[in-house]
PDB file of N, CA and C in Angstrom:
ATOM      1  N   MET A   1     -11.454 -25.039   1.008  1.00  0.00           N
ATOM      2  CA  MET A   1     -12.536 -25.033   2.079  1.00  0.00           C
ATOM      3  C   MET A   1     -13.725 -24.403   2.077  1.00  0.00           C
ATOM      4  N   ARG A   2     -14.656 -24.733   2.613  1.00  0.00           N
ATOM      5  CA  ARG A   2     -16.273 -24.331   2.344  1.00  0.00           C
ATOM      6  C   ARG A   2     -16.133 -22.653   3.228  1.00  0.00           C
ATOM      7  N   PRO A   3     -16.692 -21.862   2.580  1.00  0.00           N
ATOM      8  CA  PRO A   3     -16.839 -20.483   3.179  1.00  0.00           C
ATOM      9  C   PRO A   3     -17.413 -20.385   4.553  1.00  0.00           C
ATOM     10  N   TYR A   4     -18.375 -21.200   4.776  1.00  0.00           N
ATOM     11  CA  TYR A   4     -19.152 -21.336   6.425  1.00  0.00           C
ATOM     12  C   TYR A   4     -17.967 -21.644   7.132  1.00  0.00           C
ATOM     13  N   VAL A   5     -16.972 -22.478   6.646  1.00  0.00           N
ATOM     14  CA  VAL A   5     -16.144 -23.165   7.595  1.00  0.00           C
ATOM     15  C   VAL A   5     -15.093 -21.908   7.913  1.00  0.00           C
ATOM     16  N   LEU A   6     -14.649 -21.257   7.484  1.00  0.00           N
ATOM     17  CA  LEU A   6     -14.087 -20.019   7.420  1.00  0.00           C
ATOM     18  C   LEU A   6     -14.320 -18.965   8.464  1.00  0.00           C
ATOM     19  N   THR A   7     -15.828 -18.677   8.211  1.00  0.00           N
ATOM     20  CA  THR A   7     -16.471 -17.683   8.803  1.00  0.00           C
ATOM     21  C   THR A   7     -16.987 -18.257  10.372  1.00  0.00           C
ATOM     22  N   GLY A   8     -16.992 -19.399  10.294  1.00  0.00           N
ATOM     23  CA  GLY A   8     -17.597 -19.919  11.833  1.00  0.00           C
ATOM     24  C   GLY A   8     -18.853 -20.390  11.518  1.00  0.00           C
ATOM     25  N   GLY A   9     -19.536 -20.119  10.444  1.00  0.00           N
ATOM     26  CA  GLY A   9     -20.896 -20.514   9.852  1.00  0.00           C
ATOM     27  C   GLY A   9     -21.405 -18.911   9.694  1.00  0.00           C
ATOM     28  N   ARG A  10     -20.704 -18.033  10.181  1.00  0.00           N
ATOM     29  CA  ARG A  10     -21.674 -16.556  10.004  1.00  0.00           C
ATOM     30  C   ARG A  10     -21.712 -16.465   8.478  1.00  0.00           C
ATOM     31  N   ALA A  11     -22.720 -15.751   8.037  1.00  0.00           N
ATOM     32  CA  ALA A  11     -22.985 -15.110   6.590  1.00  0.00           C
ATOM     33  C   ALA A  11     -23.007 -13.728   6.826  1.00  0.00           C
ATOM     34  N   ARG A  12     -22.966 -13.152   8.113  1.00  0.00           N
ATOM     35  CA  ARG A  12     -22.733 -11.594   7.908  1.00  0.00           C
ATOM     36  C   ARG A  12     -21.568 -10.810   8.936  1.00  0.00           C
ATOM     37  N   PRO A  13     -20.736  -9.989   8.549  1.00  0.00           N
ATOM     38  CA  PRO A  13     -19.872  -9.471   9.194  1.00  0.00           C
ATOM     39  C   PRO A  13     -20.515  -8.841  10.664  1.00  0.00           C
ATOM     40  N   SER A  14     -19.638  -8.681  11.658  1.00  0.00           N
ATOM     41  CA  SER A  14     -20.226  -8.113  13.023  1.00  0.00           C
ATOM     42  C   SER A  14     -20.497  -6.466  12.708  1.00  0.00           C
ATOM     43  N   ARG A  15     -19.718  -6.183  11.872  1.00  0.00           N
ATOM     44  CA  ARG A  15     -19.935  -4.701  11.392  1.00  0.00           C
ATOM     45  C   ARG A  15     -20.582  -4.097  10.007  1.00  0.00           C
ATOM     46  N   ASN A  16     -21.339  -3.508  10.103  1.00  0.00           N
ATOM     47  CA  ASN A  16     -22.003  -3.291   8.612  1.00  0.00           C
ATOM     48  C   ASN A  16     -21.341  -1.985   7.815  1.00  0.00           C
ATOM     49  N   THR A  17     -19.976  -2.062   8.394  1.00  0.00           N
ATOM     50  CA  THR A  17     -19.425  -0.313   7.936  1.00  0.00           C
ATOM     51  C   THR A  17     -18.777  -0.891   6.794  1.00  0.00           C
ATOM     52  N   ILE A  18     -18.052  -2.258   6.837  1.00  0.00           N
ATOM     53  CA  ILE A  18     -16.960  -2.642   5.808  1.00  0.00           C
ATOM     54  C   ILE A  18     -17.609  -2.771   4.299  1.00  0.00           C
ATOM     55  N   ALA A  19     -17.121  -2.089   3.377  1.00  0.00           N
ATOM     56  CA  ALA A  19     -17.789  -2.264   2.073  1.00  0.00           C
ATOM     57  C   ALA A  19     -16.717  -2.644   1.216  1.00  0.00           C
ATOM     58  N   LEU A  20     -17.137  -2.932   0.004  1.00  0.00           N
ATOM     59  CA  LEU A  20     -16.075  -3.176  -1.273  1.00  0.00           C
ATOM     60  C   LEU A  20     -14.929  -2.249  -1.062  1.00  0.00           C
ATOM     61  N   ASP A  21     -15.204  -1.137  -1.022  1.00  0.00           N
ATOM     62  CA  ASP A  21     -13.969   0.100  -1.055  1.00  0.00           C
ATOM     63  C   ASP A  21     -13.880   0.331   0.364  1.00  0.00           C
ATOM     64  N   THR A  22     -14.027  -0.311   1.306  1.00  0.00           N
ATOM     65  CA  THR A  22     -13.180   0.065   2.569  1.00  0.00           C
ATOM     66  C   THR A  22     -11.710  -0.194   2.652  1.00  0.00           C
ATOM     67  N   LEU A  23     -10.813   0.829   2.991  1.00  0.00           N
ATOM     68  CA  LEU A  23      -9.724   0.339   2.976  1.00  0.00           C
ATOM     69  C   LEU A  23      -9.164  -0.115   4.244  1.00  0.00           C
ATOM     70  N   LEU A  24      -8.224  -1.419   4.364  1.00  0.00           N
ATOM     71  CA  LEU A  24      -7.661  -2.127   5.530  1.00  0.00           C
ATOM     72  C   LEU A  24      -6.316  -1.928   5.880  1.00  0.00           C
ATOM     73  N   VAL A  25      -5.794  -1.588   6.873  1.00  0.00           N
ATOM     74  CA  VAL A  25      -4.665  -1.756   7.436  1.00  0.00           C
ATOM     75  C   VAL A  25      -4.221  -2.418   8.725  1.00  0.00           C
ATOM     76  N   ALA A  26      -3.087  -3.157   8.705  1.00  0.00           N
ATOM     77  CA  ALA A  26      -2.941  -3.967  10.020  1.00  0.00           C
ATOM     78  C   ALA A  26      -2.473  -2.681  10.805  1.00  0.00           C
ATOM     79  N   THR A  27      -2.663  -3.214  12.153  1.00  0.00           N
ATOM     80  CA  THR A  27      -2.287  -2.288  13.019  1.00  0.00           C
ATOM     81  C   THR A  27      -0.707  -3.302  13.968  1.00  0.00           C
ATOM     82  N   GLY A  28      -0.637  -4.421  13.631  1.00  0.00           N
ATOM     83  CA  GLY A  28       0.625  -5.001  13.942  1.00  0.00           C
ATOM     84  C   GLY A  28       0.739  -6.435  13.087  1.00  0.00           C
ATOM     85  N   PRO A  29       1.971  -7.118  13.005  1.00  0.00           N
ATOM     86  CA  PRO A  29       2.468  -8.148  12.661  1.00  0.00           C
ATOM     87  C   PRO A  29       1.384  -9.070  12.625  1.00  0.00           C
ATOM     88  N   ALA A  30       1.480 -10.041  11.655  1.00  0.00           N
ATOM     89  CA  ALA A  30       0.640 -11.316  11.551  1.00  0.00           C
ATOM     90  C   ALA A  30       0.924 -12.069  12.756  1.00  0.00           C
ATOM     91  N   SER A  31       2.359 -12.192  12.897  1.00  0.00           N
ATOM     92  CA  SER A  31       2.754 -13.060  13.760  1.00  0.00           C
ATOM     93  C   SER A  31       2.355 -12.995  15.302  1.00  0.00           C
ATOM     94  N   ASP A  32       1.394 -11.655  15.621  1.00  0.00           N
ATOM     95  CA  ASP A  32       0.978 -11.354  16.774  1.00  0.00           C
ATOM     96  C   ASP A  32      -0.622 -12.123  16.752  1.00  0.00           C
ATOM     97  N   LEU A  33      -0.833 -12.746  15.942  1.00  0.00           N
ATOM     98  CA  LEU A  33      -2.312 -13.662  15.850  1.00  0.00           C
ATOM     99  C   LEU A  33      -2.081 -14.423  16.816  1.00  0.00           C
ATOM    100  N   PRO A  34      -3.256 -14.911  17.530  1.00  0.00           N
ATOM    101  CA  PRO A  34      -3.119 -16.213  18.576  1.00  0.00           C
ATOM    102  C   PRO A  34      -2.898 -17.755  17.537  1.00  0.00           C
ATOM    103  N   VAL A  35      -2.592 -18.524  17.980  1.00  0.00           N
ATOM    104  CA  VAL A  35      -2.317 -19.682  17.226  1.00  0.00           C
ATOM    105  C   VAL A  35      -3.804 -20.204  16.658  1.00  0.00           C
ATOM    106  N   SER A  36      -4.693 -19.870  17.197  1.00  0.00           N
ATOM    107  CA  SER A  36      -6.051 -20.560  16.493  1.00  0.00           C
ATOM    108  C   SER A  36      -6.308 -19.587  15.272  1.00  0.00           C
ATOM    109  N   ALA A  37      -5.700 -18.666  15.095  1.00  0.00           N
ATOM    110  CA  ALA A  37      -6.326 -17.909  13.897  1.00  0.00           C
ATOM    111  C   ALA A  37      -6.035 -18.294  12.702  1.00  0.00           C
ATOM    112  N   SER A  38      -7.018 -18.354  11.623  1.00  0.00           N
ATOM    113  CA  SER A  38      -6.913 -18.887  10.415  1.00  0.00           C
ATOM    114  C   SER A  38      -5.738 -18.864   9.296  1.00  0.00           C
ATOM    115  N   ARG A  39      -5.386 -19.623   8.602  1.00  0.00           N
ATOM    116  CA  ARG A  39      -4.462 -19.216   7.446  1.00  0.00           C
ATOM    117  C   ARG A  39      -4.727 -18.105   6.619  1.00  0.00           C
ATOM    118  N   GLN A  40      -6.048 -18.110   6.526  1.00  0.00           N
ATOM    119  CA  GLN A  40      -6.721 -16.764   5.841  1.00  0.00           C
ATOM    120  C   GLN A  40      -6.521 -15.472   6.095  1.00  0.00           C
ATOM    121  N   GLU A  41      -6.910 -15.717   7.540  1.00  0.00           N
ATOM    122  CA  GLU A  41      -6.644 -14.698   8.642  1.00  0.00           C
ATOM    123  C   GLU A  41      -5.346 -13.990   8.436  1.00  0.00           C
ATOM    124  N   ARG A  42      -4.449 -14.797   8.634  1.00  0.00           N
ATOM    125  CA  ARG A  42      -2.999 -14.454   8.999  1.00  0.00           C
ATOM    126  C   ARG A  42      -2.606 -13.897   7.276  1.00  0.00           C
ATOM    127  N   ALA A  43      -2.754 -14.371   6.066  1.00  0.00           N
ATOM    128  CA  ALA A  43      -2.879 -13.884   5.164  1.00  0.00           C
ATOM    129  C   ALA A  43      -3.157 -12.486   4.866  1.00  0.00           C
ATOM    130  N   LEU A  44      -4.470 -12.283   5.288  1.00  0.00           N
ATOM    131  CA  LEU A  44      -5.211 -11.285   5.547  1.00  0.00           C
ATOM    132  C   LEU A  44      -4.275  -9.887   5.951  1.00  0.00           C
ATOM    133  N   LEU A  45      -3.940 -10.375   7.220  1.00  0.00           N
ATOM    134  CA  LEU A  45      -3.421  -9.388   7.899  1.00  0.00           C
ATOM    135  C   LEU A  45      -2.006  -9.257   7.476  1.00  0.00           C
ATOM    136  N   ARG A  46      -1.043 -10.105   6.821  1.00  0.00           N
ATOM    137  CA  ARG A  46       0.027  -9.871   6.040  1.00  0.00           C
ATOM    138  C   ARG A  46      -0.042  -8.878   4.949  1.00  0.00           C
ATOM    139  N   MET A  47      -0.840  -9.377   4.258  1.00  0.00           N
ATOM    140  CA  MET A  47      -1.266  -8.196   2.779  1.00  0.00           C
ATOM    141  C   MET A  47      -1.729  -6.445   3.528  1.00  0.00           C
ATOM    142  N   CYS A  48      -2.032  -6.700   4.540  1.00  0.00           N
ATOM    143  CA  CYS A  48      -2.634  -5.360   4.907  1.00  0.00           C
ATOM    144  C   CYS A  48      -1.732  -4.456   5.667  1.00  0.00           C
ATOM    145  N   THR A  49      -0.377  -5.120   5.294  1.00  0.00           N
ATOM    146  CA  THR A  49       0.722  -4.015   5.957  1.00  0.00           C
ATOM    147  C   THR A  49       1.065  -2.780   5.293  1.00  0.00           C
ATOM    148  N   ARG A  50       0.352  -3.045   4.298  1.00  0.00           N
ATOM    149  CA  ARG A  50       0.070  -1.614   3.057  1.00  0.00           C
ATOM    150  C   ARG A  50      -1.506  -1.386   3.015  1.00  0.00           C
ATOM    151  N   LEU A  51      -1.799  -0.290   2.917  1.00  0.00           N
ATOM    152  CA  LEU A  51      -3.676  -0.023   2.424  1.00  0.00           C
ATOM    153  C   LEU A  51      -3.978  -1.122   1.409  1.00  0.00           C
ATOM    154  N   LEU A  52      -5.020  -1.794   1.884  1.00  0.00           N
ATOM    155  CA  LEU A  52      -5.728  -2.358   0.666  1.00  0.00           C
ATOM    156  C   LEU A  52      -6.976  -2.524   0.772  1.00  0.00           C
ATOM    157  N   SER A  53      -7.870  -2.330  -0.439  1.00  0.00           N
ATOM    158  CA  SER A  53      -9.325  -2.341  -0.074  1.00  0.00           C
ATOM    159  C   SER A  53      -9.710  -3.895  -0.199  1.00  0.00           C
ATOM    160  N   LEU A  54     -11.068  -4.147   0.570  1.00  0.00           N
ATOM    161  CA  LEU A  54     -11.532  -5.300   0.820  1.00  0.00           C
ATOM    162  C   LEU A  54     -11.942  -6.051  -0.282  1.00  0.00           C
ATOM    163  N   ALA A  55     -12.173  -5.192  -1.406  1.00  0.00           N
ATOM    164  CA  ALA A  55     -12.202  -6.193  -2.901  1.00  0.00           C
ATOM    165  C   ALA A  55     -10.790  -6.612  -3.436  1.00  0.00           C
ATOM    166  N   GLU A  56      -9.477  -5.911  -2.921  1.00  0.00           N
ATOM    167  CA  GLU A  56      -8.386  -6.288  -3.486  1.00  0.00           C
ATOM    168  C   GLU A  56      -7.971  -7.565  -2.678  1.00  0.00           C
ATOM    169  N   ALA A  57      -8.420  -7.288  -1.568  1.00  0.00           N
ATOM    170  CA  ALA A  57      -8.047  -8.699  -0.468  1.00  0.00           C
ATOM    171  C   ALA A  57      -8.627  -9.682  -0.907  1.00  0.00           C
ATOM    172  N   ALA A  58     -10.067  -9.694  -1.152  1.00  0.00           N
ATOM    173  CA  ALA A  58     -10.766 -10.667  -1.723  1.00  0.00           C
ATOM    174  C   ALA A  58     -10.171 -11.460  -2.888  1.00  0.00           C
ATOM    175  N   ALA A  59      -9.790 -10.846  -3.734  1.00  0.00           N
ATOM    176  CA  ALA A  59      -9.136 -10.840  -5.181  1.00  0.00           C
ATOM    177  C   ALA A  59      -7.653 -11.816  -4.900  1.00  0.00           C
ATOM    178  N   HIS A  60      -7.042 -11.360  -3.788  1.00  0.00           N
ATOM    179  CA  HIS A  60      -5.805 -11.795  -3.789  1.00  0.00           C
ATOM    180  C   HIS A  60      -6.063 -13.348  -3.056  1.00  0.00           C
ATOM    181  N   LEU A  61      -6.834 -13.106  -2.023  1.00  0.00           N
ATOM    182  CA  LEU A  61      -7.106 -14.461  -1.172  1.00  0.00           C
ATOM    183  C   LEU A  61      -7.896 -15.496  -1.869  1.00  0.00           C
ATOM    184  N   GLU A  62      -8.748 -15.180  -2.904  1.00  0.00           N
ATOM    185  CA  GLU A  62      -9.129 -15.724  -3.896  1.00  0.00           C
ATOM    186  C   GLU A  62     -10.511 -16.368  -3.421  1.00  0.00           C
ATOM    187  N   LEU A  63     -10.889 -15.745  -2.519  1.00  0.00           N
ATOM    188  CA  LEU A  63     -12.254 -15.856  -1.560  1.00  0.00           C
ATOM    189  C   LEU A  63     -13.373 -14.867  -2.126  1.00  0.00           C
ATOM    190  N   PRO A  64     -14.439 -15.416  -1.533  1.00  0.00           N
ATOM    191  CA  PRO A  64     -15.851 -14.417  -2.086  1.00  0.00           C
ATOM    192  C   PRO A  64     -15.755 -12.840  -0.963  1.00  0.00           C
ATOM    193  N   VAL A  65     -16.058 -12.332  -1.532  1.00  0.00           N
ATOM    194  CA  VAL A  65     -16.124 -10.630  -0.861  1.00  0.00           C
ATOM    195  C   VAL A  65     -16.540 -10.982   0.605  1.00  0.00           C
ATOM    196  N   SER A  66     -17.654 -11.642   0.579  1.00  0.00           N
ATOM    197  CA  SER A  66     -18.588 -11.743   1.959  1.00  0.00           C
ATOM    198  C   SER A  66     -17.651 -12.508   2.836  1.00  0.00           C
ATOM    199  N   VAL A  67     -17.189 -13.696   2.500  1.00  0.00           N
ATOM    200  CA  VAL A  67     -16.018 -14.318   3.377  1.00  0.00           C
ATOM    201  C   VAL A  67     -15.115 -13.271   4.124  1.00  0.00           C
ATOM    202  N   VAL A  68     -14.096 -12.531   2.972  1.00  0.00           N
ATOM    203  CA  VAL A  68     -13.363 -11.688   3.472  1.00  0.00           C
ATOM    204  C   VAL A  68     -13.919 -10.524   4.311  1.00  0.00           C
ATOM    205  N   SER A  69     -15.201 -10.317   3.739  1.00  0.00           N
ATOM    206  CA  SER A  69     -15.770  -9.092   4.865  1.00  0.00           C
ATOM    207  C   SER A  69     -15.963  -9.561   6.275  1.00  0.00           C
ATOM    208  N   VAL A  70     -16.083 -10.947   6.367  1.00  0.00           N
ATOM    209  CA  VAL A  70     -16.372 -11.477   7.824  1.00  0.00           C
ATOM    210  C   VAL A  70     -15.128 -11.488   8.513  1.00  0.00           C
ATOM    211  N   LEU A  71     -13.927 -12.050   8.006  1.00  0.00           N
ATOM    212  CA  LEU A  71     -12.843 -12.143   8.318  1.00  0.00           C
ATOM    213  C   LEU A  71     -12.111 -10.718   8.732  1.00  0.00           C
ATOM    214  N   ALA A  72     -12.360  -9.535   7.950  1.00  0.00           N
ATOM    215  CA  ALA A  72     -11.923  -8.267   8.268  1.00  0.00           C
ATOM    216  C   ALA A  72     -12.562  -7.717   9.435  1.00  0.00           C
ATOM    217  N   SER A  73     -13.896  -8.009   9.376  1.00  0.00           N
ATOM    218  CA  SER A  73     -14.616  -7.541  10.837  1.00  0.00           C
ATOM    219  C   SER A  73     -14.300  -8.029  11.828  1.00  0.00           C
ATOM    220  N   ASP A  74     -13.902  -9.348  11.975  1.00  0.00           N
ATOM    221  CA  ASP A  74     -13.230 -10.331  13.071  1.00  0.00           C
ATOM    222  C   ASP A  74     -12.040  -9.319  13.455  1.00  0.00           C
ATOM    223  N   LEU A  75     -11.230  -9.394  12.371  1.00  0.00           N
ATOM    224  CA  LEU A  75     -10.063  -8.565  12.817  1.00  0.00           C
ATOM    225  C   LEU A  75     -10.018  -7.345  13.328  1.00  0.00           C
ATOM    226  N   VAL A  76     -10.801  -6.305  12.748  1.00  0.00           N
ATOM    227  CA  VAL A  76     -11.145  -5.165  13.221  1.00  0.00           C
ATOM    228  C   VAL A  76     -11.480  -5.099  14.872  1.00  0.00           C
ATOM    229  N   ASP A  77     -12.694  -6.010  14.884  1.00  0.00           N
ATOM    230  CA  ASP A  77     -13.136  -6.172  16.389  1.00  0.00           C
ATOM    231  C   ASP A  77     -11.958  -6.347  17.337  1.00  0.00           C
ATOM    232  N   ALA A  78     -11.105  -7.602  17.054  1.00  0.00           N
ATOM    233  CA  ALA A  78      -9.798  -7.762  17.703  1.00  0.00           C
ATOM    234  C   ALA A  78      -8.769  -6.829  18.112  1.00  0.00           C
ATOM    235  N   GLY A  79      -8.638  -5.581  17.080  1.00  0.00           N
ATOM    236  CA  GLY A  79      -7.920  -4.591  17.197  1.00  0.00           C
ATOM    237  C   GLY A  79      -6.715  -4.993  16.047  1.00  0.00           C
ATOM    238  N   ARG A  80      -6.595  -5.868  15.303  1.00  0.00           N
ATOM    239  CA  ARG A  80      -5.767  -6.223  14.297  1.00  0.00           C
ATOM    240  C   ARG A  80      -5.707  -5.421  13.206  1.00  0.00           C
ATOM    241  N   LEU A  81      -7.025  -5.163  12.836  1.00  0.00           N
ATOM    242  CA  LEU A  81      -7.136  -4.099  11.577  1.00  0.00           C
ATOM    243  C   LEU A  81      -7.756  -2.956  11.848  1.00  0.00           C
ATOM    244  N   THR A  82      -7.379  -2.058  11.107  1.00  0.00           N
ATOM    245  CA  THR A  82      -8.118  -0.692  10.987  1.00  0.00           C
ATOM    246  C   THR A  82      -8.984  -0.559   9.676  1.00  0.00           C
ATOM    247  N   ALA A  83     -10.021  -0.181   9.621  1.00  0.00           N
ATOM    248  CA  ALA A  83     -10.693  -0.356   8.451  1.00  0.00           C
ATOM    249  C   ALA A  83     -11.225   1.334   8.207  1.00  0.00           C
ATOM    250  N   ARG A  84     -10.851   1.815   6.982  1.00  0.00           N
ATOM    251  CA  ARG A  84     -10.898   3.146   6.623  1.00  0.00           C
ATOM    252  C   ARG A  84     -12.095   3.568   5.627  1.00  0.00           C
ATOM    253  N   THR A  85     -13.172   3.871   6.045  1.00  0.00           N
ATOM    254  CA  THR A  85     -14.256   3.791   5.061  1.00  0.00           C
ATOM    255  C   THR A  85     -14.268   4.756   4.336  1.00  0.00           C
ATOM    256  N   SER A  86     -14.607   5.016   2.868  1.00  0.00           N
ATOM    257  CA  SER A  86     -14.834   5.997   1.954  1.00  0.00           C
ATOM    258  C   SER A  86     -15.487   7.064   2.660  1.00  0.00           C
ATOM    259  N   ILE A  87     -15.017   8.379   1.821  1.00  0.00           N
ATOM    260  CA  ILE A  87     -15.864   9.527   2.260  1.00  0.00           C
ATOM    261  C   ILE A  87     -17.157   9.624   1.724  1.00  0.00           C
ATOM    262  N   PRO A  88     -18.459   9.715   2.611  1.00  0.00           N
ATOM    263  CA  PRO A  88     -19.564   9.869   2.371  1.00  0.00           C
ATOM    264  C   PRO A  88     -19.804  10.807   1.297  1.00  0.00           C
ATOM    265  N   PRO A  89     -20.777  10.367   0.265  1.00  0.00           N
ATOM    266  CA  PRO A  89     -21.195  11.470  -1.146  1.00  0.00           C
ATOM    267  C   PRO A  89     -21.476  12.678  -0.547  1.00  0.00           C
ATOM    268  N   ALA A  90     -22.214  13.127   0.469  1.00  0.00           N
ATOM    269  CA  ALA A  90     -22.482  14.353   1.030  1.00  0.00           C
ATOM    270  C   ALA A  90     -21.321  15.060   1.770  1.00  0.00           C
ATOM    271  N   ALA A  91     -20.356  14.456   1.955  1.00  0.00           N
ATOM    272  CA  ALA A  91     -19.073  14.878   2.379  1.00  0.00           C
ATOM    273  C   ALA A  91     -18.052  15.581   1.318  1.00  0.00           C
ATOM    274  N   ARG A  92     -18.100  14.687   0.144  1.00  0.00           N
ATOM    275  CA  ARG A  92     -17.334  15.178  -0.927  1.00  0.00           C
ATOM    276  C   ARG A  92     -17.702  16.335  -1.536  1.00  0.00           C
ATOM    277  N   PRO A  93     -16.609  17.165  -1.903  1.00  0.00           N
ATOM    278  CA  PRO A  93     -16.540  18.300  -2.539  1.00  0.00           C
ATOM    279  C   PRO A  93     -17.285  18.217  -3.899  1.00  0.00           C
ATOM    280  N   ASP A  94     -17.952  19.498  -4.266  1.00  0.00           N
ATOM    281  CA  ASP A  94     -19.063  19.564  -5.326  1.00  0.00           C
ATOM    282  C   ASP A  94     -17.878  19.470  -6.456  1.00  0.00           C
ATOM    283  N   GLN A  95     -18.116  18.946  -7.484  1.00  0.00           N
ATOM    284  CA  GLN A  95     -17.454  18.761  -8.817  1.00  0.00           C
ATOM    285  C   GLN A  95     -17.571  19.816  -9.438  1.00  0.00           C
ATOM    286  N   ASP A  96     -18.182  20.838  -9.645  1.00  0.00           N
ATOM    287  CA  ASP A  96     -18.702  22.152 -10.122  1.00  0.00           C
ATOM    288  C   ASP A  96     -17.597  23.100  -9.925  1.00  0.00           C
ATOM    289  N   LEU A  97     -17.784  22.966  -8.373  1.00  0.00           N
ATOM    290  CA  LEU A  97     -16.873  24.227  -7.524  1.00  0.00           C
ATOM    291  C   LEU A  97     -15.217  23.835  -7.796  1.00  0.00           C
ATOM    292  N   LEU A  98     -14.871  22.433  -8.073  1.00  0.00           N
ATOM    293  CA  LEU A  98     -13.467  21.985  -8.517  1.00  0.00           C
ATOM    294  C   LEU A  98     -13.053  22.248  -9.908  1.00  0.00           C
ATOM    295  N   GLN A  99     -14.249  22.157 -10.461  1.00  0.00           N
ATOM    296  CA  GLN A  99     -13.925  22.538 -11.971  1.00  0.00           C
ATOM    297  C   GLN A  99     -13.639  23.964 -12.092  1.00  0.00           C
ATOM    298  N   GLU A 100     -14.570  24.754 -11.320  1.00  0.00           N
ATOM    299  CA  GLU A 100     -14.170  26.488 -11.489  1.00  0.00           C
ATOM    300  C   GLU A 100     -13.146  26.992 -10.934  1.00  0.00           C
ATOM    301  N   VAL A 101     -12.756  26.164  -9.997  1.00  0.00           N
ATOM    302  CA  VAL A 101     -11.242  26.332  -9.035  1.00  0.00           C
ATOM    303  C   VAL A 101     -10.253  26.032 -10.327  1.00  0.00           C
ATOM    304  N   LEU A 102     -10.219  25.082 -10.760  1.00  0.00           N
ATOM    305  CA  LEU A 102      -9.230  24.431 -11.817  1.00  0.00           C
ATOM    306  C   LEU A 102      -9.044  25.286 -12.818  1.00  0.00           C
ATOM    307  N   ASP A 103     -10.459  25.764 -13.426  1.00  0.00           N
ATOM    308  CA  ASP A 103     -10.295  27.098 -14.715  1.00  0.00           C
ATOM    309  C   ASP A 103      -9.720  28.286 -14.208  1.00  0.00           C
ATOM    310  N   GLY A 104      -9.815  28.795 -13.045  1.00  0.00           N
ATOM    311  CA  GLY A 104      -9.665  29.754 -12.322  1.00  0.00           C
ATOM    312  C   GLY A 104      -7.938  29.673 -12.241  1.00  0.00           C
ATOM    313  N   LEU A 105      -7.616  28.679 -11.833  1.00  0.00           N
ATOM    314  CA  LEU A 105      -5.962  28.344 -11.435  1.00  0.00           C
ATOM    315  C   LEU A 105      -5.188  28.419 -12.859  1.00  0.00           C
ATOM    316  N   ARG A 106      -5.866  27.862 -13.977  1.00  0.00           N
ATOM    317  CA  ARG A 106      -5.307  27.721 -15.401  1.00  0.00           C
ATOM    318  C   ARG A 106      -5.205  29.322 -16.111  1.00  0.00           C
ATOM    319  N   LYS A 107      -6.241  29.725 -15.653  1.00  0.00           N
ATOM    320  CA  LYS A 107      -6.316  31.531 -16.054  1.00  0.00           C
ATOM    321  C   LYS A 107      -5.232  32.162 -15.646  1.00  0.00           C
ATOM    322  N   LEU A 108      -4.685  32.065 -14.631  1.00  0.00           N
ATOM    323  CA  LEU A 108      -3.788  32.580 -13.877  1.00  0.00           C
ATOM    324  C   LEU A 108      -2.165  32.329 -14.413  1.00  0.00           C
ATOM    325  N   ARG A 109      -2.086  31.639 -15.154  1.00  0.00           N
ATOM    326  CA  ARG A 109      -0.968  31.170 -16.032  1.00  0.00           C
ATOM    327  C   ARG A 109      -0.321  32.401 -16.782  1.00  0.00           C
TER     328      ARG A 109
END
C-alpha cells in the first residue's frame, strides 16, 4: 500500500514533537479503536502496550518513519497513544559533573 494512502495524503504529522527517539505508549487496548482505523494503526497501538520508540515502531511495521510519525501523531491526537519526548540537551546533566561524582564515590570504597 502506498504511504500517502496510509496517511490520508498527508506528508507531515499534526505535531512536530514526535522525533525518531520519541517513546510511544498506548493508553488503552487496540480493540478500543473505531472500525475505521487502519490495520497499521491497530498494529502500532498493539506494539505500544510496552514503551517503544518511533524508530522501532517503524522498523517493526516495515514502513517509512515519516508514515509512522503521521500515524502516531493521529493516535496521540485521538488520545490513544502517549508520546514521551527525550530530555532536551539543556536539561541533561553535565557529563563532567557526573564523572566527578562517580570518581568521588569510587574513592569512598
